[in-house]
Amino acid sequence: MSAPRFHRLLRAELRLLLREPLTWAILAMLAAALCLGARIGAERVAAERAAIAAAAGDSTRAVDAAKAARARYAQPGPLRVAYWQDPTHAFGYMHYFLAAYAVKPPTPLAALAVGQADVQPALTRVSFGFSTVFDDTAYEPGSAATLRLGPFDLAFVLVHLVPLAVIALAGTRLSAEADAGILRLIAAQPVSPRAVAGAKFGAAALVAVGAVLGGTALALAVTGALGPLAGWGTTGAGLAAALAAYTLFWVAACALAASLWRGAVAALTLLVLAWACLVVALPAALGLVVDGLAPVPSRIAAIDASREAQDRFYTGEAGPRIVAAWLAARAPEAEAKDPPALRDAPEIKRLARDAFYDAALAGHRDALQARADAAAAWSARLAPLSPATALALALETAAGTDAGRHAAFLAAVSEHRRRLRAFFEPRILAQALRPAPVCAGCQARLDFDAYDAVPAFPAVLPAEAAARQALLGAACLLAAALALAALAYRRLGAWPA
């Protein structure tokens, strides 16, 4: 069949498809679902940004209050401020006034996918001592039923509902003609089944891809869900390609079902079963595989280790020995002072206790971090096995809600806590070795004023990882779509007998 004749046939099929009221009903419902998902995502991102802004405000207020207290306490007076009320004391500021937060800021495309953000916090306060068994528990869990069902967001619509819309649009093309007896009239014409199928499913592909890409862009624009996209152009193009390929995959699946020549009911049944397997069952099975390959360490064991460390430090003679060993390792010059008095100093005991506590829990924390890293790695490796998981991972990586980014965030939180401890510990030791107030007669120590030098958490946006995953997802989905299309093309070589 010549190209001009095929183009005329394609235009005719496109007109027929667009004249059907069912087509517009399907597209309207899909557009409504896309707008609802985008709105929910935009609201979540707005709440996340507000929480991060509130944390930044809290940190600023803490610094301002410490500076004001320093100016106030610099005046001589009869009162003496205790260390836990003294922000000019390095130990007091670190443990009672410091407002340090680790943040995982939303990306410009964060509204696309909630992912596991409802149970993986984007904001956590960095604290010290026995309250830091885990770094990933600073979230409000909300309703257990909501967590079990998962979020309704753009990713849910694109991954789960777009295939159903495509099936509703293209699932009965050719098959309905066979049931109505029209296929015999078509077969009597000088046209090949491949040309007819190409025109029918080509028209469906044009409508479906245009509706999905256009509807997604419209939903994001109407809800104002997108942030500044500077530097994220490659990611956006990759996601558009991945979404188009995902839509074409399901159009090709419809063509493959039609090539079986079993009728409309059988074609729809096969397509719905394929949707249930590829979009629901296979991702769930891959999740179980990830859990098996990267088993979750026992959190109860970590809590027990925490309690045992507390009991060991505070009961018997272990505590004083731990403090003495810590002091000898950190400040050998303390032997020239009064070791018993230094060992009984609250700040020295607290620092020694926290160091002992960190050592006791180091194995459990390392195991949890290793599990997070392994789960993210296995999820990325297994995602291409299902078109649904391939698209979902691309969307979540672009949104910054993927498991890999959260694993990196947890590692960064632990590193930031170590950085803060390394910043404060030498200053606290120096104060303990020289306990005389800096200002004679003043109300507080006044020997700490490095508020603006406290290390800040290095928040990053995964632009490169998002672009790489979007392009990889597009390539995998396009390969799957072409494989199904090639199989359907081969089967449509002749009309059924």
Protein backbone atom coordinates (compact mmCIF):
# COMPACT_ATOMS: atom_id res chain seq x y z
CA MET A 1 0.00 0.00 0.00
CA SER A 2 1.38 3.40 -1.00
CA ALA A 3 2.15 6.08 1.55
CA PRO A 4 -0.52 8.55 0.28
CA ARG A 5 -3.24 5.90 0.53
CA PHE A 6 -2.10 4.95 4.05
CA HIS A 7 -2.14 8.60 5.10
CA ARG A 8 -5.72 8.95 3.80
CA LEU A 9 -6.68 5.82 5.71
CA LEU A 10 -4.99 7.14 8.86
CA ARG A 11 -6.82 10.47 8.60
CA ALA A 12 -10.12 8.66 8.13
CA GLU A 13 -9.54 6.50 11.21
CA LEU A 14 -8.51 9.58 13.19
CA ARG A 15 -11.75 11.35 12.22
CA LEU A 16 -13.83 8.32 13.15
CA LEU A 17 -12.10 8.00 16.52
CA LEU A 18 -12.54 11.66 17.37
CA ARG A 19 -16.24 11.60 16.40
CA GLU A 20 -17.03 8.90 18.95
CA PRO A 21 -18.57 10.29 22.16
CA LEU A 22 -16.88 7.52 24.13
CA THR A 23 -13.47 8.87 23.10
CA TRP A 24 -14.20 12.29 24.59
CA ALA A 25 -15.70 10.77 27.72
CA ILE A 26 -12.53 8.73 28.29
CA LEU A 27 -10.30 11.74 27.64
CA ALA A 28 -12.38 13.95 29.96
CA MET A 29 -12.15 11.45 32.82
CA LEU A 30 -8.41 11.07 32.25
CA ALA A 31 -7.94 14.86 32.27
CA ALA A 32 -9.93 15.14 35.51
CA ALA A 33 -7.82 12.44 37.14
CA LEU A 34 -4.60 14.14 35.98
CA CYS A 35 -5.72 17.50 37.39
CA LEU A 36 -6.70 15.91 40.70
CA GLY A 37 -3.38 14.09 40.96
CA ALA A 38 -1.46 17.26 40.13
CA ARG A 39 -3.41 19.24 42.73
CA ILE A 40 -2.70 16.68 45.44
CA GLY A 41 0.97 16.69 44.52
CA ALA A 42 1.10 20.50 44.51
CA GLU A 43 -0.50 20.65 47.96
CA ARG A 44 2.01 18.15 49.34
CA VAL A 45 4.93 20.10 47.90
CA ALA A 46 3.55 23.35 49.30
CA ALA A 47 3.25 21.79 52.76
CA GLU A 48 6.79 20.43 52.48
CA ARG A 49 8.18 23.82 51.48
CA ALA A 50 6.31 25.45 54.35
CA ALA A 51 7.78 22.95 56.83
CA ILE A 52 11.30 23.59 55.51
CA ALA A 53 10.75 27.35 55.71
CA ALA A 54 9.50 26.98 59.29
CA ALA A 55 12.62 24.97 60.17
CA ALA A 56 14.84 27.66 58.64
CA GLY A 57 12.96 30.27 60.64
CA ASP A 58 13.43 28.25 63.81
CA SER A 59 17.17 28.04 63.18
CA THR A 60 17.38 31.78 62.55
CA ARG A 61 15.41 32.57 65.70
CA ALA A 62 17.68 30.30 67.77
CA VAL A 63 20.79 32.12 66.53
CA ASP A 64 19.23 35.54 67.05
CA ALA A 65 18.13 34.61 70.57
CA ALA A 66 21.64 33.34 71.40
CA LYS A 67 23.24 36.54 70.15
CA ALA A 68 20.77 38.64 72.13
CA ALA A 69 21.42 36.56 75.26
CA ARG A 70 25.14 37.02 74.80
CA ALA A 71 24.75 40.79 74.70
CA ARG A 72 22.50 40.68 77.77
CA TYR A 73 24.76 38.39 79.82
CA ALA A 74 27.85 40.45 79.03
CA GLN A 75 26.82 42.88 81.78
CA PRO A 76 28.23 42.11 85.25
CA GLY A 77 25.60 41.03 87.76
CA PRO A 78 25.01 38.95 90.86
CA LEU A 79 23.19 36.11 89.06
CA ARG A 80 24.91 33.14 87.48
CA VAL A 81 23.39 31.35 84.50
CA ALA A 82 23.57 27.54 84.57
CA TYR A 83 25.16 25.84 81.59
CA TRP A 84 21.87 24.44 80.32
CA GLN A 85 20.51 28.00 80.22
CA ASP A 86 23.62 29.55 78.75
CA PRO A 87 23.81 29.88 74.94
CA THR A 88 27.29 31.42 75.32
CA HIS A 89 28.52 28.07 76.64
CA ALA A 90 29.44 25.69 73.80
CA PHE A 91 27.96 22.68 75.55
CA GLY A 92 24.79 24.51 76.55
CA TYR A 93 24.26 25.84 73.04
CA MET A 94 24.90 22.47 71.39
CA HIS A 95 22.48 20.50 73.53
CA TYR A 96 19.78 23.00 74.54
CA PHE A 97 19.71 25.86 72.02
CA LEU A 98 20.99 24.53 68.71
CA ALA A 99 18.22 24.22 66.09
CA ALA A 100 19.94 22.23 63.34
CA TYR A 101 17.82 20.64 60.64
CA ALA A 102 18.61 18.24 57.83
CA VAL A 103 16.38 18.91 54.84
CA LYS A 104 15.61 17.12 51.60
CA PRO A 105 14.18 19.98 49.51
CA PRO A 106 11.58 19.18 46.85
CA THR A 107 12.71 19.22 43.25
CA PRO A 108 11.00 21.36 40.59
CA LEU A 109 9.14 18.19 39.53
CA ALA A 110 8.26 17.07 43.06
CA ALA A 111 4.52 17.17 42.37
CA LEU A 112 4.81 14.28 39.91
CA ALA A 113 5.18 11.52 42.48
CA VAL A 114 4.73 11.29 46.23
CA GLY A 115 6.57 7.96 46.30
CA GLN A 116 7.39 7.01 49.88
CA ALA A 117 7.47 10.62 51.08
CA ASP A 118 4.54 9.97 53.43
CA VAL A 119 6.78 7.67 55.50
CA GLN A 120 10.22 9.02 54.54
CA PRO A 121 10.60 12.50 56.01
CA ALA A 122 12.14 15.34 54.06
CA LEU A 123 12.96 17.19 57.27
CA THR A 124 14.50 16.00 60.51
CA ARG A 125 16.04 17.82 63.44
CA VAL A 126 19.61 16.79 64.21
CA SER A 127 19.93 16.10 67.91
CA PHE A 128 22.39 14.30 70.17
CA GLY A 129 22.21 11.55 72.75
CA PHE A 130 19.82 8.72 73.50
CA SER A 131 17.02 10.13 71.34
CA THR A 132 18.85 9.38 68.09
CA VAL A 133 18.37 5.65 67.61
CA PHE A 134 16.97 6.20 64.10
CA ASP A 135 17.20 9.08 61.67
CA ASP A 136 14.06 8.29 59.66
CA THR A 137 11.24 8.56 62.19
CA ALA A 138 10.54 12.32 62.14
CA TYR A 139 7.20 12.18 60.34
CA GLU A 140 3.50 12.20 61.08
CA PRO A 141 2.21 8.80 59.93
CA GLY A 142 -1.44 9.85 59.64
CA SER A 143 -4.13 7.32 58.86
CA ALA A 144 -3.00 3.71 58.58
CA ALA A 145 -5.67 3.09 55.93
CA THR A 146 -4.33 5.99 53.84
CA LEU A 147 -0.79 4.66 54.09
CA ARG A 148 -1.97 1.21 53.06
CA LEU A 149 -3.81 2.50 49.98
CA GLY A 150 -0.99 4.80 48.96
CA PRO A 151 -1.18 8.34 47.60
CA PHE A 152 -3.36 9.39 44.69
CA ASP A 153 -0.95 11.53 42.72
CA LEU A 154 0.11 12.11 39.14
CA ALA A 155 2.34 9.05 39.22
CA PHE A 156 -0.62 6.87 40.21
CA VAL A 157 -2.71 8.26 37.35
CA LEU A 158 0.07 7.91 34.79
CA VAL A 159 1.19 4.44 35.85
CA HIS A 160 -2.15 2.83 36.72
CA LEU A 161 -4.95 4.71 34.94
CA VAL A 162 -3.36 5.66 31.62
CA PRO A 163 -3.15 1.98 30.53
CA LEU A 164 -6.85 1.55 31.30
CA ALA A 165 -7.67 4.66 29.27
CA VAL A 166 -5.62 3.33 26.35
CA ILE A 167 -7.34 -0.04 26.60
CA ALA A 168 -10.73 1.69 26.58
CA LEU A 169 -9.71 3.67 23.49
CA ALA A 170 -7.95 1.00 21.44
CA GLY A 171 -8.75 -2.34 23.03
CA THR A 172 -11.58 -3.26 20.64
CA ARG A 173 -10.25 -1.81 17.41
CA LEU A 174 -10.29 -4.49 14.68
CA SER A 175 -11.87 -6.91 17.17
CA ALA A 176 -15.17 -5.01 17.14
CA GLU A 177 -15.20 -5.05 13.32
CA ALA A 178 -14.67 -8.80 13.40
CA ASP A 179 -17.63 -9.26 15.78
CA ALA A 180 -19.86 -7.03 13.63
CA GLY A 181 -18.95 -8.82 10.40
CA ILE A 182 -17.41 -5.68 8.90
CA LEU A 183 -13.98 -7.27 8.80
CA ARG A 184 -15.01 -9.41 5.81
CA LEU A 185 -15.88 -6.29 3.85
CA ILE A 186 -12.55 -4.71 4.77
CA ALA A 187 -10.66 -7.87 3.83
CA ALA A 188 -12.36 -7.88 0.40
CA GLN A 189 -10.70 -4.55 -0.40
CA PRO A 190 -7.19 -4.29 -1.87
CA VAL A 191 -5.63 -3.44 1.47
CA SER A 192 -3.43 -5.50 3.77
CA PRO A 193 -4.29 -6.21 7.41
CA ARG A 194 -1.07 -4.47 8.44
CA ALA A 195 -2.16 -1.26 6.72
CA VAL A 196 -5.61 -1.38 8.33
CA ALA A 197 -4.18 -2.18 11.76
CA GLY A 198 -1.51 0.49 11.32
CA ALA A 199 -4.12 3.11 10.53
CA LYS A 200 -6.44 2.11 13.36
CA PHE A 201 -3.81 1.79 16.07
CA GLY A 202 -1.79 4.68 14.66
CA ALA A 203 -4.82 6.93 15.09
CA ALA A 204 -5.34 5.59 18.61
CA ALA A 205 -1.65 6.19 19.39
CA LEU A 206 -1.82 9.79 18.17
CA VAL A 207 -4.90 10.52 20.27
CA ALA A 208 -3.61 8.70 23.35
CA VAL A 209 -0.09 10.16 23.33
CA GLY A 210 -1.39 13.65 22.63
CA ALA A 211 -4.01 13.38 25.36
CA VAL A 212 -1.61 11.99 27.97
CA LEU A 213 1.22 14.44 27.31
CA GLY A 214 -1.08 17.40 26.79
CA GLY A 215 -3.26 16.51 29.77
CA THR A 216 -0.25 16.12 32.04
CA ALA A 217 1.23 19.45 30.95
CA LEU A 218 -2.16 21.16 31.34
CA ALA A 219 -2.70 19.67 34.80
CA LEU A 220 0.74 20.83 35.96
CA ALA A 221 0.19 24.30 34.51
CA VAL A 222 -3.32 24.75 35.94
CA THR A 223 -2.33 23.66 39.45
CA GLY A 224 0.98 25.56 39.42
CA ALA A 225 2.73 22.39 40.52
CA LEU A 226 6.00 22.97 38.67
CA GLY A 227 8.96 24.80 40.17
CA PRO A 228 11.75 26.60 38.30
CA LEU A 229 12.95 24.19 35.61
CA ALA A 230 16.39 25.70 35.01
CA GLY A 231 18.78 22.77 34.64
CA TRP A 232 15.94 20.24 34.52
CA GLY A 233 15.18 20.43 30.79
CA THR A 234 16.79 17.07 30.03
CA THR A 235 14.81 15.43 32.81
CA GLY A 236 11.55 16.91 31.52
CA ALA A 237 12.25 15.77 27.97
CA GLY A 238 13.22 12.30 29.20
CA LEU A 239 10.01 12.00 31.22
CA ALA A 240 7.91 13.12 28.25
CA ALA A 241 9.61 10.48 26.10
CA ALA A 242 9.13 7.83 28.78
CA LEU A 243 5.45 8.69 29.15
CA ALA A 244 4.92 8.62 25.38
CA ALA A 245 6.71 5.26 25.15
CA TYR A 246 4.62 3.89 28.03
CA THR A 247 1.44 4.94 26.20
CA LEU A 248 2.69 3.41 22.95
CA PHE A 249 3.49 0.19 24.81
CA TRP A 250 -0.17 -0.20 25.72
CA VAL A 251 -1.32 0.72 22.21
CA ALA A 252 1.01 -1.99 20.91
CA ALA A 253 -0.46 -4.39 23.46
CA CYS A 254 -3.92 -3.59 22.09
CA ALA A 255 -2.67 -4.33 18.57
CA LEU A 256 -1.17 -7.61 19.73
CA ALA A 257 -4.45 -8.61 21.38
CA ALA A 258 -6.33 -7.76 18.18
CA SER A 259 -3.93 -9.92 16.14
CA LEU A 260 -5.26 -12.97 17.96
CA TRP A 261 -8.62 -12.48 16.14
CA ARG A 262 -10.62 -13.70 19.17
CA GLY A 263 -13.23 -10.93 19.25
CA ALA A 264 -13.71 -7.82 21.37
CA VAL A 265 -14.60 -9.57 24.64
CA ALA A 266 -11.54 -11.80 24.50
CA ALA A 267 -9.28 -8.88 23.56
CA LEU A 268 -10.51 -6.75 26.46
CA THR A 269 -10.20 -9.67 28.86
CA LEU A 270 -6.61 -10.32 27.81
CA LEU A 271 -5.71 -6.64 28.06
CA VAL A 272 -7.19 -6.23 31.52
CA LEU A 273 -5.36 -9.35 32.67
CA ALA A 274 -2.14 -7.96 31.17
CA TRP A 275 -2.75 -4.69 33.04
CA ALA A 276 -3.33 -6.56 36.30
CA CYS A 277 -0.15 -8.59 35.83
CA LEU A 278 2.20 -5.85 34.59
CA VAL A 279 0.90 -2.91 36.64
CA VAL A 280 -0.28 -4.56 39.86
CA ALA A 281 1.05 -8.09 40.38
CA LEU A 282 4.55 -7.82 38.90
CA PRO A 283 5.52 -4.60 40.78
CA ALA A 284 4.25 -6.16 44.00
CA ALA A 285 6.29 -9.30 43.32
CA LEU A 286 9.37 -7.19 42.56
CA GLY A 287 8.86 -5.43 45.90
CA LEU A 288 8.90 -8.79 47.65
CA VAL A 289 12.06 -9.73 45.75
CA VAL A 290 13.74 -6.51 46.92
CA ASP A 291 12.74 -7.27 50.51
CA GLY A 292 14.24 -10.74 50.14
CA LEU A 293 17.47 -9.50 48.60
CA ALA A 294 17.82 -6.64 51.09
CA PRO A 295 16.15 -7.82 54.33
CA VAL A 296 15.24 -5.18 56.89
CA PRO A 297 17.38 -5.34 60.06
CA SER A 298 15.54 -5.62 63.34
CA ARG A 299 14.72 -2.23 64.82
CA ILE A 300 13.78 -3.93 68.06
CA ALA A 301 17.38 -5.17 68.31
CA ALA A 302 18.64 -1.60 67.85
CA ILE A 303 16.31 -0.35 70.59
CA ASP A 304 17.48 -3.15 72.89
CA ALA A 305 21.10 -2.19 72.20
CA SER A 306 20.23 1.40 73.07
CA ARG A 307 18.73 0.35 76.39
CA GLU A 308 21.67 -1.89 77.20
CA ALA A 309 24.07 0.99 76.51
CA GLN A 310 22.13 3.24 78.85
CA ASP A 311 22.05 0.61 81.60
CA ARG A 312 25.75 -0.09 81.24
CA PHE A 313 26.73 3.56 81.45
CA TYR A 314 24.53 4.49 84.40
CA THR A 315 24.86 1.37 86.56
CA GLY A 316 27.93 0.05 88.37
CA GLU A 317 31.44 1.28 87.69
CA ALA A 318 31.30 1.14 83.91
CA GLY A 319 30.26 4.78 83.56
CA PRO A 320 33.29 6.33 85.33
CA ARG A 321 35.67 4.04 83.45
CA ILE A 322 34.07 5.01 80.13
CA VAL A 323 34.38 8.71 80.99
CA ALA A 324 38.02 8.30 82.08
CA ALA A 325 38.94 6.44 78.90
CA TRP A 326 37.20 9.00 76.71
CA LEU A 327 38.88 11.91 78.48
CA ALA A 328 42.32 10.30 78.26
CA ALA A 329 41.86 9.74 74.52
CA ARG A 330 40.51 13.20 73.74
CA ALA A 331 42.49 15.38 76.13
CA PRO A 332 45.74 13.80 77.42
CA GLU A 333 46.67 17.14 78.95
CA ALA A 334 43.78 16.73 81.39
CA GLU A 335 46.03 14.59 83.62
CA ALA A 336 47.85 17.79 84.61
CA LYS A 337 44.58 19.23 85.86
CA ASP A 338 42.22 17.64 88.33
CA PRO A 339 41.03 14.43 86.61
CA PRO A 340 38.30 13.55 89.15
CA ALA A 341 36.76 17.00 88.86
CA LEU A 342 36.90 16.89 85.05
CA ARG A 343 35.36 13.42 84.94
CA ASP A 344 32.45 14.63 87.05
CA ALA A 345 31.85 17.70 84.91
CA PRO A 346 28.39 17.37 83.28
CA GLU A 347 29.65 18.25 79.82
CA ILE A 348 32.47 15.71 79.94
CA LYS A 349 30.16 12.96 81.15
CA ARG A 350 27.64 13.81 78.45
CA LEU A 351 30.20 13.79 75.65
CA ALA A 352 31.69 10.51 76.86
CA ARG A 353 28.24 9.00 77.21
CA ASP A 354 27.21 10.02 73.69
CA ALA A 355 30.45 8.67 72.21
CA PHE A 356 29.89 5.37 74.01
CA TYR A 357 26.30 5.30 72.86
CA ASP A 358 27.26 5.94 69.23
CA ALA A 359 29.82 3.14 69.36
CA ALA A 360 27.26 0.73 70.84
CA LEU A 361 24.74 1.49 68.07
CA ALA A 362 27.21 1.84 65.20
CA GLY A 363 26.64 -1.70 63.94
CA HIS A 364 22.86 -1.34 63.94
CA ARG A 365 22.95 2.04 62.22
CA ASP A 366 25.39 0.76 59.62
CA ALA A 367 23.12 -2.22 58.97
CA LEU A 368 20.10 0.06 58.49
CA GLN A 369 22.04 2.30 56.13
CA ALA A 370 23.37 -0.68 54.20
CA ARG A 371 19.84 -1.99 53.83
CA ALA A 372 18.58 1.36 52.54
CA ASP A 373 21.41 1.49 49.99
CA ALA A 374 20.88 -2.12 48.91
CA ALA A 375 17.10 -1.71 48.57
CA ALA A 376 17.58 1.38 46.40
CA ALA A 377 20.16 -0.39 44.23
CA TRP A 378 18.03 -3.51 43.75
CA SER A 379 14.94 -1.42 43.00
CA ALA A 380 16.85 0.36 40.24
CA ARG A 381 18.12 -2.95 38.82
CA LEU A 382 14.72 -4.66 38.83
CA ALA A 383 12.62 -1.70 37.66
CA PRO A 384 13.11 -2.39 33.90
CA LEU A 385 11.46 -5.80 34.32
CA SER A 386 8.04 -4.11 34.42
CA PRO A 387 6.97 -1.11 32.32
CA ALA A 388 5.02 0.19 35.31
CA THR A 389 8.01 0.13 37.67
CA ALA A 390 10.28 1.61 34.99
CA LEU A 391 7.99 4.62 34.59
CA ALA A 392 7.32 4.90 38.31
CA LEU A 393 11.04 4.96 39.13
CA ALA A 394 11.67 7.65 36.50
CA LEU A 395 8.86 9.79 37.95
CA GLU A 396 9.97 9.28 41.55
CA THR A 397 13.60 10.07 40.76
CA ALA A 398 12.54 13.28 39.00
CA ALA A 399 10.34 14.13 41.98
CA GLY A 400 13.15 13.34 44.43
CA THR A 401 11.02 10.82 46.32
CA ASP A 402 12.85 7.67 45.23
CA ALA A 403 14.51 5.25 47.62
CA GLY A 404 18.00 6.10 46.37
CA ARG A 405 17.72 9.77 47.29
CA HIS A 406 16.32 8.94 50.73
CA ALA A 407 19.16 6.50 51.41
CA ALA A 408 21.65 9.23 50.48
CA PHE A 409 19.73 11.66 52.70
CA LEU A 410 19.99 9.34 55.71
CA ALA A 411 23.73 8.95 55.13
CA ALA A 412 24.08 12.73 54.89
CA VAL A 413 22.17 13.17 58.18
CA SER A 414 24.57 10.84 59.98
CA GLU A 415 27.56 12.62 58.45
CA HIS A 416 26.16 16.02 59.42
CA ARG A 417 25.73 14.89 63.02
CA ARG A 418 29.38 13.83 63.06
CA ARG A 419 30.37 17.16 61.53
CA LEU A 420 28.49 19.08 64.21
CA ARG A 421 30.02 16.98 66.96
CA ALA A 422 33.49 17.61 65.55
CA PHE A 423 32.73 21.35 65.53
CA PHE A 424 31.50 21.58 69.13
CA GLU A 425 33.58 18.96 70.94
CA PRO A 426 36.96 20.78 70.85
CA ARG A 427 35.31 23.97 72.05
CA ILE A 428 33.55 22.17 74.91
CA LEU A 429 36.79 20.49 75.95
CA ALA A 430 38.61 23.82 75.88
CA GLN A 431 35.95 25.31 78.16
CA ALA A 432 36.15 22.36 80.53
CA LEU A 433 39.95 22.68 80.78
CA ARG A 434 39.70 26.45 81.34
CA PRO A 435 36.53 26.88 83.43
CA ALA A 436 37.16 30.52 84.41
CA PRO A 437 34.60 32.94 82.87
CA VAL A 438 35.86 35.06 80.03
CA CYS A 439 34.29 38.14 81.61
CA ALA A 440 34.91 38.63 85.32
CA GLY A 441 31.64 39.20 87.16
CA CYS A 442 29.46 38.52 84.13
CA GLN A 443 26.43 36.30 84.39
CA ALA A 444 27.51 33.67 81.79
CA ARG A 445 30.65 32.12 80.35
CA LEU A 446 30.71 34.20 77.12
CA ASP A 447 33.35 31.93 75.58
CA PHE A 448 31.25 30.76 72.61
CA ASP A 449 30.08 33.13 69.90
CA ALA A 450 30.65 31.10 66.70
CA TYR A 451 26.93 30.88 65.93
CA ASP A 452 27.33 31.74 62.27
CA ALA A 453 30.18 29.26 61.85
CA VAL A 454 28.11 26.21 62.85
CA PRO A 455 28.13 23.85 59.82
CA ALA A 456 24.95 23.91 57.76
CA PHE A 457 23.39 20.81 56.23
CA PRO A 458 24.41 20.47 52.56
CA ALA A 459 21.04 20.04 50.86
CA VAL A 460 21.31 18.94 47.22
CA LEU A 461 18.93 18.37 44.31
CA PRO A 462 19.51 15.16 42.26
CA ALA A 463 19.35 16.78 38.82
CA GLU A 464 21.88 14.45 37.17
CA ALA A 465 20.38 11.29 38.66
CA ALA A 466 16.89 12.39 37.62
CA ALA A 467 17.96 13.07 34.03
CA ARG A 468 19.82 9.76 33.81
CA GLN A 469 16.89 7.74 35.16
CA ALA A 470 14.37 9.53 32.92
CA LEU A 471 16.41 8.73 29.80
CA LEU A 472 16.98 5.14 30.94
CA GLY A 473 13.27 4.68 31.61
CA ALA A 474 12.41 6.12 28.20
CA ALA A 475 14.85 3.76 26.49
CA CYS A 476 13.51 0.69 28.32
CA LEU A 477 9.88 1.57 27.64
CA LEU A 478 10.54 2.36 23.98
CA ALA A 479 12.31 -0.98 23.54
CA ALA A 480 9.35 -2.81 25.12
CA ALA A 481 6.86 -0.90 22.93
CA LEU A 482 8.83 -1.68 19.77
CA ALA A 483 9.07 -5.36 20.73
CA LEU A 484 5.28 -5.63 21.13
CA ALA A 485 4.69 -3.65 17.94
CA ALA A 486 7.06 -5.93 16.00
CA LEU A 487 5.29 -9.02 17.32
CA ALA A 488 1.89 -7.58 16.39
CA TYR A 489 3.19 -6.59 12.95
CA ARG A 490 4.39 -10.12 12.34
CA ARG A 491 1.09 -11.67 13.37
CA LEU A 492 -0.94 -9.29 11.18
CA GLY A 493 0.59 -10.52 7.95
CA ALA A 494 -2.66 -12.05 6.68
CA TRP A 495 -6.39 -11.82 7.25
CA PRO A 496 -7.91 -14.57 9.42
CA ALA A 497 -9.43 -17.48 7.59
